[in-house]
Each structure stands twice: as C-alpha cells, then as structure tokens.
C-alpha cells in the first residue's frame, strides 16, 4: 500500500474521528419471538439468532441474510487499550444487526474512503449467509482478514452477500486493531499482557475465531469447517495463525493472497526496544506510569508518531513463540490445506511513488538497486518490452520482491500439505479508490482481485459484464476450497494441485482462465533466485 508523507500523517491525525457503537437501540425482551433456537428461517421477517451475548436481528435480503456490527469483543478503550480483547457485554432483548461498525483507527490515509467513520470502538464483525437454509444446515464458514499493511483498511468494505448466496457458504469479515494500537510492543506492556505485547491485532483475530466456534452453528455454519483467508497484511495474518498454538483447531483450511508465509517478523525483544522510543515520542517517559500514559494518549498523537516503532506481529512471546519457518520445520505448525497466489503485476499499486520515472531514471534505478546484476536485469526487462519506464520498473520490482517469493512459499507448503496456486491476470481490472498514475495502467496490481471476490466498496469502478464472469468463477473456486479443500467446480477449468509440475491457475477475464506451468519462466524466477 502507499505510504503517506509526514504532512499527510499530520493532517490525518488531526482528523481522527472517535465514535462509539455500543449495544444501543436494543428492542425490549417482550418482542422476542416465542421460540428462537439456532437457525431462524421465518422468511416473513428479518431473521433473529441467538448468540452467546444475546439475541440479534439481522436483515433479510432476497438472496442472503446479513448480520452487521456484531461485537466479538469488548470495546478496546481505556484500560482495554493495549490489552488482550475482553469478552463482549451481554444484553437483554434483541440487538439490531443492521448497521456496520466504524473502521478501526487508521494509521495510513488510503485504506478507507473519506466518509468512512473510524473509532477505537471497532471490534465487530459482519456475517452473511444464504437466504434459504435448512434448520440443521452446517455450511462451510469463511473468515476474512483484510489487508492494508497492518496500518489501514477495514472489514466493512468487504460485503459477503453475493459470495454467500452464490456458493452456499457463510462469509464473515472482521475488524481488528491497526498500527500502534494493534502492534505496539513495550517492556511495561509485556509485563501486564499475557503472551507478551505487540500482537493485540493477532489476539483480536484469534478472539473472532473463538466467537465463530461458539456462535456460528446458530447461523447455519459448521464450526468444524472454517476457512481463514486474507490478502496482503491479511494474508500475513493467516500465515501467523498457521503457527499460533492457541489457534489450533479453530480453522481447517487457509487462503493466502499476495503474502508470503515465512516472511521476516520482528522479534518481541526488538519490538520492545522501538516501543520505548515510540512511548517517549508521544510523551510517555516515566517507566512507572508509561502504561497508563499510553492508554490515555490522544489517538491522533499515536497516529502521528506511528513511524517510531516496528510494526507488524512480534515473534518470541507465548502467542507467537516461533517463526513460520521454525514451526514448519519442526512440525508444530497448524498444518491445513492451502490455496495461495498473487496478481500478475503487484507493484503497479505499491510502486506508484515512481510515477513519471524517465528512461534514464529507469537505468539509474536498476543500476543502483541491483548492482552487479543490473546488466542481467536490463537484458531480461528491456524497455522495448514495456509501455513505459514505469511499467518496466514495476514489473522488475514485482518479480524480484513478490512473484518469485510467493512461488517459493508455495513450493515449501506443497511439501507438507495439499497446495493450490493461482495468478490473477486481468489486465483491465479496476484498482483501488484513490490510486491513479497519470498516463499509466495500474490494473493487475496489488489488491486487484478483491473486487472479484466480494461486494467490494473500495474499488475505483464497478466490474464490467466480462469481469463479472471471472468474479463468479473465482467466488466458486474459493468456496469449493472452503467446502472440501479442493477448488475444482463444474463448468470451470480443472485446477490440479501445485505439485511437482508447478501448476498455476491463471485467472483471466471473461471465463478465459487457464492452467499454466510457465509461471517461474514468466517472472524470471531462476534469475531472481540464483
């Protein structure tokens, strides 16, 4: 994702909006139907479901039901800021589930639209299910962790109604704490945090899966058939869940989009060191009161100083005791079938700062970046093959930084679990709202596949009819994997295991998807990994 300037951060910090959702507007107990147990299928009205916190009333649509803004944890405010998520409060009567929660406080400026409400009170999830369910339904459950560099984004922009209705699945999208609120480590915080500080966002995600385990059967879902999936930083969340001991048994399949299991993680000790610097930068300098000071700090102050600590999850505490590779190698990881992949030209979105690079600038940057390998890079990526110097450098960076690393990750996973591999390749795809490069094509970049998998509201434009065909195909592939660990569906190209042939399903628009075995050659992986 694009990183902001210091000026953008200051402006964003000044504009942080703090809202409260709470359990307001409950209907009185007298309005509770006489018998509400498990799946409510009274299509004459909106569905009412019993959760461990109380009854909720969703919204019945023609083809799906939605239950919005369900609290899976208590608001992480005051003494619960920089603390593990606590159980949500219970309520009497029926809680309306017809309004999404705010996004969590944003630490970067491009993860939501300008009008999106944000708040620290944000630990809510949305549940979508098909409209017509048998009373004893046990549908596969898909739990989505959004991306955004662990600093921005929200689950509320990933509507799951269409995929739930089309594929007979339960789709859930969650919010989790971001930036320093989700990932700050500090010795004083570790002293009061079971499992160590620095992983509050991962604790939120774990809490959401526990909520699914305890509640989803009443919505018609199967707690014994849960797939976790995520993109970019959300894919990194999935990778962390694969090695988190306390997540064992809470999910049964995993989808990793545009992320690499085995990517570097900051150690808890190193994170605590930078956390001390962060605390000092926000005015919390007294070791005796630093925890209370951090919990009282204005959110905008936390945002404006976010560069002063090491972000992302921290390895070394009880929650994440090992790196992915350590757990993978010693067999202590949560081994489940995996579907993984990336977009054809990831860095078209992540390298927008290079817009306007000249021909000479391209040569200079390649020389500076790749040194002794520069001549080889220029032979493999001559400007004559590309629309512009920017198009060339973004493909160089895609292949060197992402494409081949994703493939290496798939090769590793395939040695121990059933692994399916894809490449999204729609050169006309919409991009994210706000990401434009004058005179350049940002299609096929990082995050391009998201509009094809959800009722996505952060795209720059709707899908065309031809793209909707690919969207339906992808929704069915993903859901088939959730159903039985195999993405194959009728009336779509056969998708074999990645295997020794390195089979990759290339997802193309207008139903033109096809199996390829040339992925490594297409991205010059032999060169980049030599």
Protein backbone atom coordinates (compact mmCIF):
# COMPACT_ATOMS: atom_id res chain seq x y z
CA UNK A 1 0.00 0.00 0.00
CA UNK A 2 1.12 3.59 -0.50
CA UNK A 3 2.85 5.24 2.43
CA UNK A 4 1.92 8.82 3.37
CA UNK A 5 4.11 11.84 3.70
CA UNK A 6 4.64 13.41 7.12
CA UNK A 7 2.25 16.18 6.06
CA UNK A 8 -0.44 13.60 5.24
CA UNK A 9 0.06 11.91 8.59
CA UNK A 10 -0.31 15.16 10.48
CA UNK A 11 -3.47 16.07 8.59
CA UNK A 12 -4.90 12.60 9.14
CA UNK A 13 -4.07 12.67 12.84
CA UNK A 14 -5.93 15.93 13.22
CA UNK A 15 -8.96 14.42 11.53
CA UNK A 16 -9.25 11.19 13.57
CA UNK A 17 -12.91 10.67 14.44
CA UNK A 18 -13.79 8.74 17.56
CA UNK A 19 -17.24 7.17 17.54
CA UNK A 20 -18.98 4.69 19.76
CA UNK A 21 -21.12 1.81 18.53
CA UNK A 22 -22.01 0.04 21.78
CA UNK A 23 -25.06 -2.14 22.26
CA UNK A 24 -27.56 0.66 21.80
CA UNK A 25 -31.11 0.56 20.49
CA UNK A 26 -31.97 -2.86 21.86
CA UNK A 27 -35.53 -3.99 21.39
CA UNK A 28 -37.37 -4.91 24.59
CA UNK A 29 -37.48 -8.54 25.66
CA UNK A 30 -41.23 -8.65 25.09
CA UNK A 31 -40.61 -8.53 21.34
CA UNK A 32 -38.57 -11.75 21.32
CA UNK A 33 -40.30 -14.49 19.30
CA UNK A 34 -41.63 -17.36 21.39
CA UNK A 35 -39.10 -19.83 20.01
CA UNK A 36 -35.75 -18.68 18.73
CA UNK A 37 -33.27 -21.53 18.63
CA UNK A 38 -30.42 -21.92 16.20
CA UNK A 39 -31.19 -21.05 12.59
CA UNK A 40 -34.27 -18.84 12.26
CA UNK A 41 -35.91 -19.40 8.89
CA UNK A 42 -39.03 -17.26 9.19
CA UNK A 43 -38.75 -15.54 5.84
CA UNK A 44 -41.76 -13.40 6.63
CA UNK A 45 -39.47 -11.07 8.59
CA UNK A 46 -35.86 -10.34 9.42
CA UNK A 47 -34.02 -13.29 10.98
CA UNK A 48 -33.39 -13.44 14.72
CA UNK A 49 -30.44 -15.51 16.00
CA UNK A 50 -29.25 -16.39 19.48
CA UNK A 51 -25.58 -15.62 20.24
CA UNK A 52 -23.63 -16.11 23.44
CA UNK A 53 -24.15 -12.41 24.22
CA UNK A 54 -27.85 -12.23 23.38
CA UNK A 55 -30.35 -12.21 20.52
CA UNK A 56 -29.58 -10.34 17.29
CA UNK A 57 -31.90 -9.38 14.45
CA UNK A 58 -30.30 -9.33 11.01
CA UNK A 59 -31.60 -8.05 7.69
CA UNK A 60 -33.24 -10.42 5.23
CA UNK A 61 -32.33 -9.71 1.60
CA UNK A 62 -33.82 -11.56 -1.40
CA UNK A 63 -30.87 -13.94 -1.74
CA UNK A 64 -28.98 -13.60 1.54
CA UNK A 65 -29.22 -12.54 5.18
CA UNK A 66 -26.76 -10.13 6.71
CA UNK A 67 -25.93 -9.57 10.38
CA UNK A 68 -23.87 -6.42 10.68
CA UNK A 69 -21.85 -4.94 13.51
CA UNK A 70 -21.83 -7.97 15.81
CA UNK A 71 -19.45 -7.45 18.75
CA UNK A 72 -16.93 -10.25 19.15
CA UNK A 73 -15.00 -8.42 21.89
CA UNK A 74 -15.47 -5.54 24.28
CA UNK A 75 -14.52 -2.05 23.04
CA UNK A 76 -10.70 -1.80 23.46
CA UNK A 77 -10.90 1.53 25.29
CA UNK A 78 -9.22 2.96 28.38
CA UNK A 79 -7.82 0.04 30.45
CA UNK A 80 -8.53 -2.30 27.49
CA UNK A 81 -6.37 -0.28 25.10
CA UNK A 82 -3.06 -2.14 24.65
CA UNK A 83 -4.60 -5.19 26.29
CA UNK A 84 -5.94 -8.55 25.08
CA UNK A 85 -9.53 -8.37 23.84
CA UNK A 86 -12.14 -8.98 26.55
CA UNK A 87 -15.49 -10.72 26.16
CA UNK A 88 -18.28 -8.50 24.80
CA UNK A 89 -21.05 -7.43 27.15
CA UNK A 90 -24.33 -9.32 27.14
CA UNK A 91 -27.69 -7.67 26.52
CA UNK A 92 -31.37 -8.24 27.10
CA UNK A 93 -33.91 -8.08 24.30
CA UNK A 94 -32.95 -8.16 20.63
CA UNK A 95 -29.95 -6.23 19.35
CA UNK A 96 -30.44 -4.84 15.80
CA UNK A 97 -27.66 -6.11 13.49
CA UNK A 98 -28.45 -3.78 10.60
CA UNK A 99 -25.56 -1.31 10.77
CA UNK A 100 -21.86 -1.82 10.21
CA UNK A 101 -19.36 -0.70 12.78
CA UNK A 102 -16.79 2.05 12.20
CA UNK A 103 -13.38 1.12 10.86
CA UNK A 104 -10.59 0.88 13.41
CA UNK A 105 -8.37 3.95 13.79
CA UNK A 106 -6.32 4.32 10.60
CA UNK A 107 -2.57 4.85 10.74
CA UNK A 108 -2.22 5.40 6.95
CA UNK A 109 -4.51 7.50 4.74
CA UNK A 110 -5.54 5.22 1.87
CA UNK A 111 -7.35 2.26 3.43
CA UNK A 112 -10.84 3.76 3.54
CA UNK A 113 -12.90 6.37 1.74
CA UNK A 114 -13.02 9.87 3.16
CA UNK A 115 -16.55 9.49 4.54
CA UNK A 116 -15.83 6.22 6.41
CA UNK A 117 -16.41 6.56 10.19
CA UNK A 118 -13.47 5.39 12.32
CA UNK A 119 -13.18 4.65 16.01
CA UNK A 120 -11.23 2.74 18.62
CA UNK A 121 -14.55 1.03 19.40
CA UNK A 122 -14.30 -1.20 16.35
CA UNK A 123 -14.06 -4.88 17.31
CA UNK A 124 -17.10 -6.05 15.37
CA UNK A 125 -17.75 -8.47 12.55
CA UNK A 126 -20.30 -8.91 9.76
CA UNK A 127 -21.92 -12.28 8.97
CA UNK A 128 -23.51 -13.13 5.60
CA UNK A 129 -25.42 -16.33 4.82
CA UNK A 130 -27.67 -17.63 2.04
CA UNK A 131 -31.34 -16.72 2.45
CA UNK A 132 -32.76 -20.24 2.29
CA UNK A 133 -31.29 -22.59 4.88
CA UNK A 134 -32.40 -25.93 6.25
CA UNK A 135 -32.92 -25.84 10.00
CA UNK A 136 -29.99 -28.24 10.50
CA UNK A 137 -27.71 -26.50 7.98
CA UNK A 138 -23.95 -26.85 8.51
CA UNK A 139 -22.40 -24.64 5.84
CA UNK A 140 -18.67 -24.00 5.40
CA UNK A 141 -17.53 -20.80 7.08
CA UNK A 142 -15.08 -18.32 5.51
CA UNK A 143 -13.49 -15.72 7.82
CA UNK A 144 -11.79 -12.78 6.08
CA UNK A 145 -8.84 -10.78 7.47
CA UNK A 146 -8.45 -7.56 5.47
CA UNK A 147 -5.15 -6.15 4.25
CA UNK A 148 -3.65 -2.68 4.47
CA UNK A 149 -0.10 -3.02 5.72
CA UNK A 150 -1.36 -3.64 9.28
CA UNK A 151 -1.94 0.12 9.48
CA UNK A 152 -5.09 0.78 7.47
CA UNK A 153 -8.22 -0.79 5.98
CA UNK A 154 -11.37 -2.31 7.44
CA UNK A 155 -13.53 -5.38 7.18
CA UNK A 156 -16.67 -3.36 6.48
CA UNK A 157 -15.72 -2.74 2.83
CA UNK A 158 -15.84 -6.48 2.04
CA UNK A 159 -19.51 -7.28 1.61
CA UNK A 160 -20.10 -11.02 1.62
CA UNK A 161 -23.72 -11.24 0.50
CA UNK A 162 -23.08 -12.18 -3.13
CA UNK A 163 -20.43 -14.87 -2.47
CA UNK A 164 -22.52 -16.35 0.37
CA UNK A 165 -25.62 -16.60 -1.80
CA UNK A 166 -23.77 -17.83 -4.89
CA UNK A 167 -21.68 -20.50 -3.19
CA UNK A 168 -23.76 -21.69 -0.21
CA UNK A 169 -21.23 -20.56 2.38
CA UNK A 170 -21.17 -18.36 5.48
CA UNK A 171 -18.90 -15.33 4.87
CA UNK A 172 -17.56 -13.30 7.78
CA UNK A 173 -15.44 -10.14 7.64
CA UNK A 174 -13.88 -8.66 10.76
CA UNK A 175 -12.20 -5.52 12.01
CA UNK A 176 -9.03 -5.76 14.09
CA UNK A 177 -6.81 -3.14 15.72
CA UNK A 178 -4.26 -1.45 13.47
CA UNK A 179 -0.98 0.44 13.71
CA UNK A 180 0.39 1.05 17.19
CA UNK A 181 -2.97 0.13 18.73
CA UNK A 182 -2.63 -3.34 17.23
CA UNK A 183 1.12 -3.95 17.23
CA UNK A 184 2.95 -1.78 19.79
CA UNK A 185 5.40 -3.71 21.94
CA UNK A 186 6.90 -2.25 25.12
CA UNK A 187 8.52 -3.87 28.17
CA UNK A 188 5.95 -2.33 30.51
CA UNK A 189 3.08 -3.52 28.31
CA UNK A 190 4.56 -7.02 28.12
CA UNK A 191 4.67 -7.10 31.93
CA UNK A 192 0.87 -6.73 32.05
CA UNK A 193 -0.01 -8.68 28.87
CA UNK A 194 -0.30 -12.48 28.93
CA UNK A 195 1.70 -13.77 25.98
CA UNK A 196 3.65 -10.53 25.57
CA UNK A 197 2.80 -7.21 23.94
CA UNK A 198 2.95 -6.29 20.26
CA UNK A 199 0.30 -8.71 18.98
CA UNK A 200 -3.03 -7.16 20.00
CA UNK A 201 -4.31 -7.41 16.42
CA UNK A 202 -3.50 -11.12 16.34
CA UNK A 203 -5.31 -11.51 19.67
CA UNK A 204 -8.32 -9.80 18.09
CA UNK A 205 -8.27 -12.20 15.15
CA UNK A 206 -7.96 -15.17 17.50
CA UNK A 207 -10.90 -13.81 19.51
CA UNK A 208 -13.00 -13.57 16.35
CA UNK A 209 -12.30 -17.23 15.56
CA UNK A 210 -13.33 -18.18 19.08
CA UNK A 211 -16.56 -16.23 18.52
CA UNK A 212 -17.11 -18.24 15.33
CA UNK A 213 -16.52 -21.51 17.18
CA UNK A 214 -19.07 -20.57 19.86
CA UNK A 215 -21.76 -18.95 17.72
CA UNK A 216 -21.69 -19.85 14.06
CA UNK A 217 -23.76 -23.04 14.34
CA UNK A 218 -26.80 -20.92 15.21
CA UNK A 219 -26.32 -19.05 11.91
CA UNK A 220 -26.25 -22.32 9.96
CA UNK A 221 -22.48 -22.62 9.81
CA UNK A 222 -20.20 -25.54 10.64
CA UNK A 223 -17.61 -24.67 13.33
CA UNK A 224 -15.78 -27.82 12.23
CA UNK A 225 -15.26 -26.45 8.69
CA UNK A 226 -13.76 -22.97 8.91
CA UNK A 227 -11.51 -21.41 6.27
CA UNK A 228 -9.46 -18.33 7.12
CA UNK A 229 -8.41 -16.11 4.27
CA UNK A 230 -6.74 -12.77 3.82
CA UNK A 231 -4.86 -10.56 1.39
CA UNK A 232 -1.55 -8.70 1.81
CA UNK A 233 -1.25 -7.99 5.56
CA UNK A 234 -4.39 -10.10 5.96
CA UNK A 235 -2.54 -12.93 4.24
CA UNK A 236 0.26 -12.40 6.74
CA UNK A 237 -2.35 -12.77 9.46
CA UNK A 238 -3.30 -16.14 8.02
CA UNK A 239 0.36 -17.18 8.00
CA UNK A 240 0.65 -16.22 11.67
CA UNK A 241 -2.47 -18.22 12.50
CA UNK A 242 -0.81 -21.22 10.88
CA UNK A 243 1.89 -21.13 13.58
CA UNK A 244 -0.11 -19.80 16.56
CA UNK A 245 -0.52 -22.64 19.09
CA UNK A 246 -3.79 -21.27 20.52
CA UNK A 247 -5.34 -21.10 17.03
CA UNK A 248 -5.07 -24.86 16.56
CA UNK A 249 -8.45 -26.39 15.74
CA UNK A 250 -10.19 -23.05 15.17
CA UNK A 251 -9.76 -23.31 11.38
CA UNK A 252 -9.34 -26.11 8.89
CA UNK A 253 -8.19 -24.52 5.62
CA UNK A 254 -6.26 -21.38 4.70
CA UNK A 255 -6.13 -18.99 1.74
CA UNK A 256 -3.15 -16.65 1.47
CA UNK A 257 -3.41 -13.86 -1.11
CA UNK A 258 -0.40 -11.72 -2.07
CA UNK A 259 1.59 -12.58 1.02
CA UNK A 260 4.46 -14.92 1.83
CA UNK A 261 4.42 -17.39 4.70
CA UNK A 262 7.94 -17.27 6.04
CA UNK A 263 8.41 -13.51 5.62
CA UNK A 264 10.53 -11.84 8.27
CA UNK A 265 8.91 -10.95 11.59
CA UNK A 266 10.23 -8.59 14.25
CA UNK A 267 11.21 -10.27 17.49
CA UNK A 268 9.37 -9.27 20.65
CA UNK A 269 12.63 -8.04 22.18
CA UNK A 270 13.42 -5.82 19.19
CA UNK A 271 9.85 -4.55 19.09
CA UNK A 272 10.00 -3.61 22.76
CA UNK A 273 13.11 -1.51 22.11
CA UNK A 274 11.41 0.55 19.41
CA UNK A 275 8.29 0.70 21.58
CA UNK A 276 10.24 2.62 24.21
CA UNK A 277 11.15 5.17 21.56
CA UNK A 278 7.52 5.40 20.47
CA UNK A 279 6.30 5.92 24.03
CA UNK A 280 8.79 8.71 24.51
CA UNK A 281 7.69 10.36 21.26
CA UNK A 282 4.08 10.54 22.47
CA UNK A 283 5.13 11.95 25.84
CA UNK A 284 5.15 8.79 27.97
CA UNK A 285 8.62 8.91 29.52
CA UNK A 286 8.08 7.74 33.10
CA UNK A 287 8.53 3.97 33.36
CA UNK A 288 6.30 3.84 36.41
CA UNK A 289 3.33 5.35 34.58
CA UNK A 290 4.02 4.52 30.93
CA UNK A 291 1.16 2.01 30.59
CA UNK A 292 -1.43 4.42 31.99
CA UNK A 293 0.02 7.22 29.87
CA UNK A 294 -0.19 5.21 26.64
CA UNK A 295 -3.77 4.21 27.43
CA UNK A 296 -4.77 7.86 27.89
CA UNK A 297 -2.91 9.28 24.86
CA UNK A 298 -4.99 11.02 22.18
CA UNK A 299 -5.40 8.71 19.17
CA UNK A 300 -4.14 11.41 16.82
CA UNK A 301 -0.88 11.55 18.76
CA UNK A 302 -0.45 7.81 18.35
CA UNK A 303 -1.13 8.11 14.62
CA UNK A 304 1.28 10.98 14.04
CA UNK A 305 4.12 9.08 15.74
CA UNK A 306 3.47 5.71 14.13
CA UNK A 307 6.84 5.66 12.35
CA UNK A 308 8.66 5.44 15.69
CA UNK A 309 8.10 1.73 16.37
CA UNK A 310 8.49 -1.52 14.46
CA UNK A 311 5.09 -2.52 13.11
CA UNK A 312 3.68 -5.95 12.37
CA UNK A 313 3.41 -9.01 14.58
CA UNK A 314 6.15 -9.89 17.05
CA UNK A 315 7.69 -13.35 17.45
CA UNK A 316 9.05 -14.67 20.73
CA UNK A 317 6.20 -14.43 23.23
CA UNK A 318 3.71 -17.12 24.20
CA UNK A 319 1.22 -16.13 21.48
CA UNK A 320 3.74 -16.47 18.61
CA UNK A 321 6.66 -18.39 20.09
CA UNK A 322 8.21 -19.36 16.74
CA UNK A 323 8.66 -18.00 13.25
CA UNK A 324 6.71 -19.68 10.48
CA UNK A 325 9.80 -21.49 9.22
CA UNK A 326 10.76 -22.74 12.68
CA UNK A 327 7.28 -24.14 13.33
CA UNK A 328 7.02 -25.53 9.79
CA UNK A 329 10.35 -27.31 10.06
CA UNK A 330 9.73 -28.86 13.47
CA UNK A 331 6.14 -29.86 12.65
CA UNK A 332 4.48 -27.77 15.36
CA UNK A 333 2.51 -25.61 12.90
CA UNK A 334 -1.23 -25.90 12.24
CA UNK A 335 -0.99 -27.90 9.01
CA UNK A 336 -4.07 -27.46 6.79
CA UNK A 337 -4.70 -27.36 3.02
CA UNK A 338 -3.62 -24.03 1.49
CA UNK A 339 -4.69 -22.03 -1.56
CA UNK A 340 -2.25 -19.23 -2.35
CA UNK A 341 -1.34 -16.79 -5.10
CA UNK A 342 -0.78 -13.24 -6.24
CA UNK A 343 -1.54 -10.77 -9.00
CA UNK A 344 0.48 -10.60 -12.21
CA UNK A 345 1.92 -7.12 -11.58
CA UNK A 346 1.70 -6.49 -7.84
CA UNK A 347 3.94 -3.42 -7.77
CA UNK A 348 1.79 -1.42 -10.15
CA UNK A 349 -0.03 -0.40 -6.99
CA UNK A 350 2.75 -0.50 -4.41
CA UNK A 351 5.26 1.48 -6.54
CA UNK A 352 3.05 4.41 -7.53
CA UNK A 353 5.64 6.74 -5.98
CA UNK A 354 7.85 6.03 -9.01
CA UNK A 355 5.28 7.50 -11.42
CA UNK A 356 6.93 9.65 -14.05
CA UNK A 357 10.27 7.83 -13.99
CA UNK A 358 12.23 8.56 -17.16
CA UNK A 359 14.19 6.20 -19.39
CA UNK A 360 17.45 7.34 -17.82
CA UNK A 361 15.84 7.14 -14.41
CA UNK A 362 14.98 3.52 -15.10
CA UNK A 363 18.57 2.66 -15.99
CA UNK A 364 19.89 4.55 -12.98
CA UNK A 365 17.48 2.92 -10.53
CA UNK A 366 18.19 -0.58 -11.84
CA UNK A 367 21.92 0.06 -11.55
CA UNK A 368 21.64 1.45 -8.03
CA UNK A 369 19.30 -1.31 -6.82
CA UNK A 370 20.77 -4.43 -8.41
CA UNK A 371 24.46 -3.61 -8.71
CA UNK A 372 26.34 -6.47 -10.36
CA UNK A 373 23.04 -7.97 -11.54
CA UNK A 374 21.93 -4.76 -13.25
CA UNK A 375 23.06 -5.79 -16.74
CA UNK A 376 21.16 -9.05 -16.40
CA UNK A 377 18.04 -7.17 -15.26
CA UNK A 378 18.21 -4.86 -18.28
CA UNK A 379 18.59 -7.82 -20.63
CA UNK A 380 15.52 -9.52 -19.19
CA UNK A 381 13.48 -6.31 -18.88
CA UNK A 382 14.41 -4.13 -21.86
CA UNK A 383 12.29 -1.00 -22.20
CA UNK A 384 11.24 -2.17 -25.65
CA UNK A 385 9.05 -4.84 -23.98
CA UNK A 386 7.07 -2.35 -21.89
CA UNK A 387 4.67 0.53 -22.36
CA UNK A 388 6.81 2.93 -20.32
CA UNK A 389 9.78 3.05 -17.94
CA UNK A 390 7.29 2.95 -15.03
CA UNK A 391 5.64 -0.18 -16.42
CA UNK A 392 9.09 -1.78 -16.69
CA UNK A 393 10.30 -0.92 -13.19
CA UNK A 394 7.07 -2.06 -11.57
CA UNK A 395 7.40 -5.48 -13.23
CA UNK A 396 11.06 -5.70 -12.22
CA UNK A 397 10.05 -4.98 -8.63
CA UNK A 398 7.08 -7.34 -8.77
CA UNK A 399 9.22 -10.24 -9.89
CA UNK A 400 12.22 -9.54 -7.65
CA UNK A 401 10.26 -8.70 -4.49
CA UNK A 402 6.99 -10.62 -4.67
CA UNK A 403 6.24 -13.02 -7.52
CA UNK A 404 9.13 -15.41 -7.03
CA UNK A 405 8.95 -15.24 -3.23
CA UNK A 406 5.27 -16.20 -3.45
CA UNK A 407 6.22 -19.15 -5.62
CA UNK A 408 8.94 -20.26 -3.22
CA UNK A 409 6.39 -20.16 -0.41
CA UNK A 410 4.04 -22.37 -2.43
CA UNK A 411 6.84 -24.84 -3.13
CA UNK A 412 7.56 -25.06 0.59
CA UNK A 413 3.93 -25.55 1.59
CA UNK A 414 3.38 -28.17 -1.11
CA UNK A 415 5.95 -30.44 0.54
CA UNK A 416 3.64 -30.98 3.54
CA UNK A 417 0.03 -30.06 2.72
CA UNK A 418 -2.29 -30.02 -0.32
CA UNK A 419 -1.47 -26.71 -2.00
CA UNK A 420 -3.23 -24.90 -4.84
CA UNK A 421 -1.62 -21.96 -6.63
CA UNK A 422 -3.14 -19.10 -8.67
CA UNK A 423 -2.10 -15.95 -10.52
CA UNK A 424 -4.68 -13.22 -11.06
CA UNK A 425 -4.22 -11.78 -14.56
CA UNK A 426 -6.89 -9.36 -15.73
CA UNK A 427 -5.01 -6.53 -17.46
CA UNK A 428 -8.20 -4.43 -17.46
CA UNK A 429 -9.05 -4.82 -13.77
CA UNK A 430 -10.18 -1.85 -11.67
CA UNK A 431 -7.76 -0.72 -8.99
CA UNK A 432 -8.32 0.72 -5.52
CA UNK A 433 -10.10 4.01 -4.98
CA UNK A 434 -7.60 6.86 -4.96
CA UNK A 435 -4.76 5.00 -6.70
CA UNK A 436 -4.17 6.57 -10.09
CA UNK A 437 -0.98 7.12 -12.05
CA UNK A 438 -1.47 9.68 -14.84
CA UNK A 439 -0.85 8.11 -18.21
CA UNK A 440 -0.16 4.66 -16.73
CA UNK A 441 -2.13 1.45 -16.26
CA UNK A 442 -2.46 0.36 -12.62
CA UNK A 443 -4.57 -2.71 -13.48
CA UNK A 444 -3.41 -6.16 -12.33
CA UNK A 445 -1.68 -4.58 -9.35
CA UNK A 446 -1.70 -5.44 -5.68
CA UNK A 447 -5.30 -5.85 -4.40
CA UNK A 448 -6.79 -6.10 -7.92
CA UNK A 449 -8.50 -9.43 -7.15
CA UNK A 450 -10.51 -8.11 -4.20
CA UNK A 451 -13.33 -6.63 -6.29
CA UNK A 452 -13.83 -10.09 -7.84
CA UNK A 453 -14.28 -11.92 -4.52
CA UNK A 454 -16.61 -9.60 -2.58
CA UNK A 455 -19.22 -6.89 -2.84
CA UNK A 456 -16.20 -4.61 -2.55
CA UNK A 457 -16.72 -0.90 -1.91
CA UNK A 458 -13.16 0.44 -2.22
CA UNK A 459 -12.79 -0.16 -5.96
CA UNK A 460 -12.39 2.69 -8.39
CA UNK A 461 -15.28 1.44 -10.55
CA UNK A 462 -17.73 -1.47 -10.89
CA UNK A 463 -16.81 -4.63 -12.78
CA UNK A 464 -17.83 -5.00 -16.40
CA UNK A 465 -20.01 -7.90 -17.55
CA UNK A 466 -16.93 -9.79 -18.75
CA UNK A 467 -15.21 -9.23 -15.42
CA UNK A 468 -18.32 -10.37 -13.54
CA UNK A 469 -17.91 -13.73 -15.26
CA UNK A 470 -14.40 -14.07 -13.82
CA UNK A 471 -15.71 -12.85 -10.47
CA UNK A 472 -18.29 -15.63 -10.34
CA UNK A 473 -15.68 -18.19 -11.31
CA UNK A 474 -13.31 -17.01 -8.56
CA UNK A 475 -16.04 -16.95 -5.90
CA UNK A 476 -16.92 -20.54 -6.78
CA UNK A 477 -13.27 -21.66 -6.79
CA UNK A 478 -12.61 -20.12 -3.36
CA UNK A 479 -15.84 -21.52 -1.91
CA UNK A 480 -15.24 -25.02 -3.30
CA UNK A 481 -11.91 -24.99 -1.48
CA UNK A 482 -13.77 -23.97 1.68
CA UNK A 483 -16.31 -26.75 1.18
CA UNK A 484 -13.88 -29.63 0.76
CA UNK A 485 -10.27 -28.45 0.42
CA UNK A 486 -10.36 -28.69 -3.39
CA UNK A 487 -11.17 -25.61 -5.53
CA UNK A 488 -12.49 -27.50 -8.54
CA UNK A 489 -16.05 -26.75 -9.70
CA UNK A 490 -18.18 -27.73 -12.66
CA UNK A 491 -18.02 -25.68 -15.86
CA UNK A 492 -14.64 -24.17 -15.00
CA UNK A 493 -11.08 -25.13 -15.97
CA UNK A 494 -9.68 -28.02 -13.91
CA UNK A 495 -7.37 -26.84 -11.16
CA UNK A 496 -4.86 -29.51 -10.10
CA UNK A 497 -2.56 -29.43 -7.08
CA UNK A 498 0.52 -27.24 -7.43
CA UNK A 499 2.66 -30.37 -7.22
CA UNK A 500 5.90 -31.21 -8.99
CA UNK A 501 4.58 -29.70 -12.24
CA UNK A 502 4.16 -26.31 -10.52
CA UNK A 503 0.63 -25.97 -11.81
CA UNK A 504 -0.74 -22.44 -11.54
CA UNK A 505 -4.32 -21.44 -12.34
CA UNK A 506 -4.10 -18.16 -14.20
CA UNK A 507 -7.36 -16.32 -13.54
CA UNK A 508 -8.37 -14.38 -16.65
CA UNK A 509 -11.38 -12.28 -17.50
CA UNK A 510 -14.45 -13.38 -19.48
CA UNK A 511 -14.06 -17.02 -18.43
CA UNK A 512 -10.69 -17.42 -20.14
CA UNK A 513 -8.84 -18.75 -17.08
CA UNK A 514 -6.34 -21.48 -17.88
CA UNK A 515 -3.75 -23.70 -16.25
CA UNK A 516 -0.12 -22.67 -16.81
CA UNK A 517 3.19 -24.27 -15.89
CA UNK A 518 5.31 -21.32 -17.06
CA UNK A 519 4.90 -19.07 -14.02
CA UNK A 520 8.56 -19.22 -12.96
CA UNK A 521 9.76 -18.52 -16.51
CA UNK A 522 7.22 -15.70 -16.95
CA UNK A 523 8.65 -13.96 -13.87
CA UNK A 524 12.31 -14.90 -14.45
CA UNK A 525 12.48 -16.68 -11.10
CA UNK A 526 15.59 -18.69 -11.99
CA UNK A 527 17.41 -15.36 -12.36
CA UNK A 528 16.00 -13.73 -9.23
CA UNK A 529 16.59 -16.76 -7.02
CA UNK A 530 20.08 -17.52 -8.35
